[in-house]
Amino acid sequence: MTKETYISQLLARADQGECIIVAGVGCGLTAKGAVGGGADLLCAYNTASYRIQGLPTALAFLPYDDCNALAFSIAPQVVAAAGGIPVALGLGAHDPRRDLERLVDQAVELGAAGVTNEPFLGMYEGDLRRQMEASGFGFSREVELIRIASRKGLTTLGYVFTPEEAVAMADAGVDLIGAMVGGVTSGGSAGGAATIDLSDAIRTIERIIHALDRTGRRIPVLPHGGPLNDVAPVQEVFRRTRAMGYVTGSTGERVPTERAVREKIVAFKAIRRGVSG
């Protein structure tokens, strides 16, 4: 199936009221669960690799690992578990040792049908962000990554934090927009704290949608992060915006895994052994 057909099918289902779900996964087991639940697209990337190890997602944005090597290391098990569902690999566009064309080709060689720009520079602010932008290793590298992948016929998910970034991704030919609201998703034992409230998140989503309207392209906007940490706040987003779907991360992997394991161990511990007299 071409990506054009795939995106057209997603839009048609969204027009019928269906929610487009992109599931971020860090291992084959959670990939199988996401497929079983009906995910439309799987994404495998370095932050998912961290969280499935029980580590804070935010740690993956510090320079302790090669983000692309991590994504490539988990790609085979996620692709194998996908059962025909497209898999997009999160690629770090800012690594000066990596040629972007070759990086995208490596993702394809591993079985990926798509690419996303994760990790993304939008997590950083202040002088670090300014220095990266001034050196040519800023957001423009993420846009170029998406441009290359789109040209090669891959499905592309572009994460953005602002309306201006969304327009730049649209100009690069992006297929889906991941609207980041408040950075790392809050909740769970290793989750961050929400940096904005739901109302602010909804305003950001609407500004991104309006900016994309002005490009003349119909690009599904899928929010992620911050206070969107459970079904209820995501339902509120759909009630108050024209978002077409949602990107799960910790909400579809770390948090439910922690909860399910804890509850099952509690149930086993509650068993009373028979005592002979």
Protein backbone atom coordinates (compact mmCIF):
# COMPACT_ATOMS: atom_id res chain seq x y z
CA MET A 1 0.00 0.00 0.00
CA THR A 2 1.34 3.44 -0.89
CA LYS A 3 1.47 6.08 1.80
CA GLU A 4 -1.05 8.14 -0.19
CA THR A 5 -3.58 5.30 0.01
CA TYR A 6 -2.79 4.75 3.67
CA ILE A 7 -3.29 8.42 4.60
CA SER A 8 -6.48 8.60 2.51
CA GLN A 9 -7.87 5.64 4.42
CA LEU A 10 -7.00 7.26 7.75
CA LEU A 11 -8.75 10.48 6.71
CA ALA A 12 -11.83 8.57 5.52
CA ARG A 13 -12.11 6.77 8.86
CA ALA A 14 -11.56 10.02 10.75
CA ASP A 15 -14.41 11.58 8.76
CA GLN A 16 -16.61 8.78 10.14
CA GLY A 17 -15.68 9.78 13.68
CA GLU A 18 -12.91 7.25 14.26
CA CYS A 19 -9.89 8.35 16.28
CA ILE A 20 -6.50 7.90 14.59
CA ILE A 21 -4.16 6.30 17.11
CA VAL A 22 -0.39 6.34 16.77
CA ALA A 23 1.19 4.13 19.45
CA GLY A 24 4.72 4.79 20.65
CA VAL A 25 6.30 1.50 21.73
CA GLY A 26 9.68 0.42 23.05
CA CYS A 27 9.56 -3.37 22.65
CA GLY A 28 7.87 -6.18 20.77
CA LEU A 29 5.52 -7.07 23.63
CA THR A 30 3.91 -3.64 23.87
CA ALA A 31 3.88 -3.45 20.06
CA LYS A 32 1.76 -6.62 20.01
CA GLY A 33 -0.59 -5.10 22.58
CA ALA A 34 -0.95 -1.90 20.56
CA VAL A 35 -1.69 -3.84 17.39
CA GLY A 36 -4.25 -5.94 19.24
CA GLY A 37 -5.92 -2.75 20.43
CA GLY A 38 -6.25 -1.39 16.90
CA ALA A 39 -3.40 1.12 16.61
CA ASP A 40 -3.12 2.68 13.15
CA LEU A 41 0.64 3.31 13.26
CA LEU A 42 3.44 2.16 15.56
CA CYS A 43 6.40 4.38 16.37
CA ALA A 44 9.65 3.07 17.87
CA TYR A 45 12.18 5.56 19.22
CA ASN A 46 14.74 6.18 21.92
CA THR A 47 12.42 7.64 24.56
CA ALA A 48 10.22 4.52 24.34
CA SER A 49 13.32 2.40 24.87
CA TYR A 50 14.06 4.34 28.05
CA ARG A 51 10.57 4.21 29.51
CA ILE A 52 10.17 0.46 28.94
CA GLN A 53 13.27 0.10 31.13
CA GLY A 54 11.44 1.95 33.90
CA LEU A 55 13.43 5.14 33.37
CA PRO A 56 12.01 8.67 33.09
CA THR A 57 11.25 9.62 29.49
CA ALA A 58 13.01 12.94 30.02
CA LEU A 59 16.34 11.14 30.54
CA ALA A 60 16.32 10.15 26.87
CA PHE A 61 16.78 13.81 25.94
CA LEU A 62 20.17 13.95 27.67
CA PRO A 63 23.35 12.79 25.89
CA TYR A 64 23.84 9.39 27.52
CA ASP A 65 23.08 7.20 24.49
CA ASP A 66 23.09 7.26 20.70
CA CYS A 67 19.38 7.87 20.06
CA ASN A 68 19.52 6.45 16.54
CA ALA A 69 21.34 3.31 17.64
CA LEU A 70 18.64 2.76 20.28
CA ALA A 71 15.85 3.16 17.73
CA PHE A 72 17.59 0.77 15.34
CA SER A 73 18.15 -1.78 18.13
CA ILE A 74 14.43 -2.10 18.93
CA ALA A 75 13.19 -1.78 15.35
CA PRO A 76 13.42 -5.51 14.43
CA GLN A 77 11.27 -6.68 17.35
CA VAL A 78 8.67 -3.94 16.79
CA VAL A 79 8.48 -4.58 13.04
CA ALA A 80 8.16 -8.33 13.67
CA ALA A 81 5.33 -7.75 16.14
CA ALA A 82 3.50 -5.21 13.97
CA GLY A 83 1.61 -7.78 11.90
CA GLY A 84 1.40 -5.55 8.85
CA ILE A 85 0.69 -2.31 10.73
CA PRO A 86 3.13 0.38 9.48
CA VAL A 87 6.05 1.16 11.77
CA ALA A 88 7.76 4.57 11.87
CA LEU A 89 11.20 4.94 13.43
CA GLY A 90 12.09 8.00 15.46
CA LEU A 91 15.34 9.43 14.12
CA GLY A 92 17.62 12.00 15.72
CA ALA A 93 18.31 14.51 12.97
CA HIS A 94 20.87 16.52 14.94
CA ASP A 95 23.65 13.92 15.15
CA PRO A 96 26.52 15.43 13.12
CA ARG A 97 27.92 11.94 12.47
CA ARG A 98 24.81 10.85 10.56
CA ASP A 99 23.95 11.69 6.99
CA LEU A 100 20.20 12.22 6.85
CA GLU A 101 19.73 10.41 3.55
CA ARG A 102 21.59 7.38 4.86
CA LEU A 103 19.74 7.55 8.18
CA VAL A 104 16.38 7.29 6.41
CA ASP A 105 17.67 4.47 4.19
CA GLN A 106 18.77 2.53 7.28
CA ALA A 107 15.27 2.83 8.72
CA VAL A 108 13.83 1.39 5.51
CA GLU A 109 16.36 -1.47 5.56
CA LEU A 110 15.09 -2.38 9.03
CA GLY A 111 11.52 -2.63 7.74
CA ALA A 112 10.20 0.81 8.68
CA ALA A 113 7.43 2.28 6.55
CA GLY A 114 7.77 5.71 8.11
CA VAL A 115 9.91 8.21 9.97
CA THR A 116 9.35 10.67 12.77
CA ASN A 117 11.57 13.41 14.22
CA GLU A 118 12.23 12.08 17.69
CA PRO A 119 14.11 13.16 19.72
CA PHE A 120 13.07 16.73 18.94
CA LEU A 121 14.77 19.98 19.80
CA GLY A 122 11.51 21.51 21.00
CA MET A 123 12.18 19.99 24.43
CA TYR A 124 15.00 22.51 24.92
CA GLU A 125 14.75 26.21 25.61
CA GLY A 126 17.06 29.10 26.38
CA ASP A 127 20.70 29.33 25.37
CA LEU A 128 21.06 25.67 24.37
CA ARG A 129 18.22 25.98 21.86
CA ARG A 130 19.64 29.25 20.50
CA GLN A 131 23.10 27.76 20.11
CA MET A 132 21.78 24.72 18.26
CA GLU A 133 19.71 26.84 15.92
CA ALA A 134 22.62 29.21 15.22
CA SER A 135 24.94 26.30 14.41
CA GLY A 136 22.59 24.80 11.82
CA PHE A 137 21.62 21.82 13.97
CA GLY A 138 18.26 23.15 15.03
CA PHE A 139 14.67 22.46 14.02
CA SER A 140 15.55 22.90 10.34
CA ARG A 141 17.39 19.56 10.49
CA GLU A 142 14.17 17.89 11.66
CA VAL A 143 12.29 19.51 8.78
CA GLU A 144 14.93 18.27 6.33
CA LEU A 145 14.64 14.75 7.76
CA ILE A 146 10.89 14.78 7.09
CA ARG A 147 11.43 16.27 3.62
CA ILE A 148 13.85 13.46 2.69
CA ALA A 149 11.61 10.72 4.07
CA SER A 150 8.57 12.15 2.31
CA ARG A 151 10.44 12.30 -0.98
CA LYS A 152 11.35 8.63 -0.57
CA GLY A 153 7.68 7.71 -0.17
CA LEU A 154 7.68 7.05 3.57
CA THR A 155 4.83 7.95 5.90
CA THR A 156 5.98 10.89 8.02
CA LEU A 157 4.91 12.07 11.47
CA GLY A 158 6.27 15.50 12.32
CA TYR A 159 6.33 16.55 15.98
CA VAL A 160 5.87 20.28 16.51
CA PHE A 161 5.47 22.64 19.44
CA THR A 162 4.23 25.78 17.65
CA PRO A 163 2.05 26.78 14.69
CA GLU A 164 5.16 28.04 12.87
CA GLU A 165 6.84 24.65 13.20
CA ALA A 166 3.67 22.96 11.93
CA VAL A 167 3.68 25.11 8.79
CA ALA A 168 7.36 24.31 8.17
CA MET A 169 6.58 20.60 8.44
CA ALA A 170 3.63 21.00 6.07
CA ASP A 171 5.91 22.68 3.54
CA ALA A 172 8.24 19.67 3.83
CA GLY A 173 5.41 17.32 2.87
CA VAL A 174 4.60 15.82 6.27
CA ASP A 175 1.66 13.41 6.43
CA LEU A 176 0.73 13.62 10.12
CA ILE A 177 1.38 16.29 12.74
CA GLY A 178 2.13 15.35 16.33
CA ALA A 179 1.13 18.41 18.33
CA MET A 180 3.31 18.48 21.45
CA VAL A 181 1.60 20.17 24.39
CA GLY A 182 3.61 20.51 27.58
CA GLY A 183 6.51 18.20 26.78
CA VAL A 184 6.78 14.85 28.57
CA THR A 185 3.46 13.19 29.46
CA SER A 186 2.67 13.44 33.16
CA GLY A 187 1.66 10.51 35.36
CA GLY A 188 2.99 7.16 36.52
CA SER A 189 5.96 6.45 38.78
CA ALA A 190 8.50 7.71 36.21
CA GLY A 191 6.35 10.38 34.57
CA GLY A 192 6.98 14.08 34.60
CA ALA A 193 4.81 16.85 35.98
CA ALA A 194 2.49 18.63 33.55
CA THR A 195 3.92 22.05 32.71
CA ILE A 196 0.67 23.43 31.26
CA ASP A 197 -2.98 22.81 32.06
CA LEU A 198 -5.54 21.26 29.71
CA SER A 199 -7.03 24.58 28.62
CA ASP A 200 -3.63 25.89 27.55
CA ALA A 201 -2.96 22.61 25.73
CA ILE A 202 -6.23 22.92 23.84
CA ARG A 203 -5.44 26.49 22.81
CA THR A 204 -2.07 25.35 21.44
CA ILE A 205 -3.71 22.53 19.49
CA GLU A 206 -6.26 24.89 17.96
CA ARG A 207 -3.56 27.38 16.92
CA ILE A 208 -1.66 24.59 15.20
CA ILE A 209 -4.81 23.39 13.41
CA HIS A 210 -5.64 26.92 12.22
CA ALA A 211 -2.08 27.44 10.95
CA LEU A 212 -2.27 24.21 8.95
CA ASP A 213 -5.66 25.27 7.53
CA ARG A 214 -3.94 28.24 5.96
CA THR A 215 -1.49 25.97 4.08
CA GLY A 216 -4.35 24.49 2.08
CA ARG A 217 -3.34 20.94 3.01
CA ARG A 218 -5.52 18.65 5.09
CA ILE A 219 -3.09 17.19 7.61
CA PRO A 220 -4.35 15.22 10.61
CA VAL A 221 -3.29 16.76 13.92
CA LEU A 222 -2.61 14.24 16.69
CA PRO A 223 -1.89 15.79 20.12
CA HIS A 224 0.53 14.31 22.63
CA GLY A 225 2.15 15.06 25.96
CA GLY A 226 1.71 17.13 29.10
CA PRO A 227 -1.78 16.88 30.62
CA LEU A 228 -3.05 14.45 27.94
CA ASN A 229 -2.33 11.53 30.25
CA ASP A 230 -5.57 9.53 30.13
CA VAL A 231 -8.76 8.97 28.15
CA ALA A 232 -10.76 11.79 29.79
CA PRO A 233 -8.49 14.72 28.85
CA VAL A 234 -8.07 13.34 25.33
CA GLN A 235 -11.85 13.11 24.96
CA GLU A 236 -12.05 16.75 26.04
CA VAL A 237 -9.53 17.66 23.32
CA PHE A 238 -11.76 16.01 20.72
CA ARG A 239 -14.81 17.80 22.10
CA ARG A 240 -13.18 21.23 21.88
CA THR A 241 -10.88 20.96 18.83
CA ARG A 242 -10.73 19.44 15.36
CA ALA A 243 -7.89 17.10 16.26
CA MET A 244 -8.25 13.79 14.40
CA GLY A 245 -6.39 11.48 16.74
CA TYR A 246 -3.90 11.00 19.52
CA VAL A 247 -0.32 9.80 19.94
CA THR A 248 0.14 7.44 22.87
CA GLY A 249 3.47 7.09 24.59
CA SER A 250 3.63 6.53 28.32
CA THR A 251 -0.18 6.46 28.34
CA GLY A 252 -0.28 3.39 26.12
CA GLU A 253 2.84 1.66 27.41
CA ARG A 254 4.52 2.59 30.69
CA VAL A 255 1.48 3.56 32.79
CA PRO A 256 -0.81 0.64 31.83
CA THR A 257 2.08 -1.84 32.11
CA GLU A 258 2.94 -0.64 35.63
CA ARG A 259 -0.71 -0.80 36.63
CA ALA A 260 -1.41 -4.24 35.15
CA VAL A 261 1.68 -5.85 36.68
CA ARG A 262 1.01 -4.29 40.09
CA GLU A 263 -2.62 -5.40 40.12
CA LYS A 264 -1.76 -8.94 39.06
CA ILE A 265 0.91 -9.31 41.75
CA VAL A 266 -1.55 -7.98 44.35
CA ALA A 267 -4.06 -10.60 43.19
CA PHE A 268 -1.52 -13.41 43.51
CA LYS A 269 -0.44 -12.18 46.93
CA ALA A 270 -4.06 -12.27 48.07
CA ILE A 271 -4.22 -16.04 47.56
CA ARG A 272 -4.40 -17.83 50.92
CA ARG A 273 -2.56 -21.12 51.06
CA GLY A 274 -4.28 -24.07 52.62
CA VAL A 275 -2.78 -24.99 56.02
CA SER A 276 -3.07 -28.63 57.12
CA GLY A 277 -3.85 -29.17 60.82
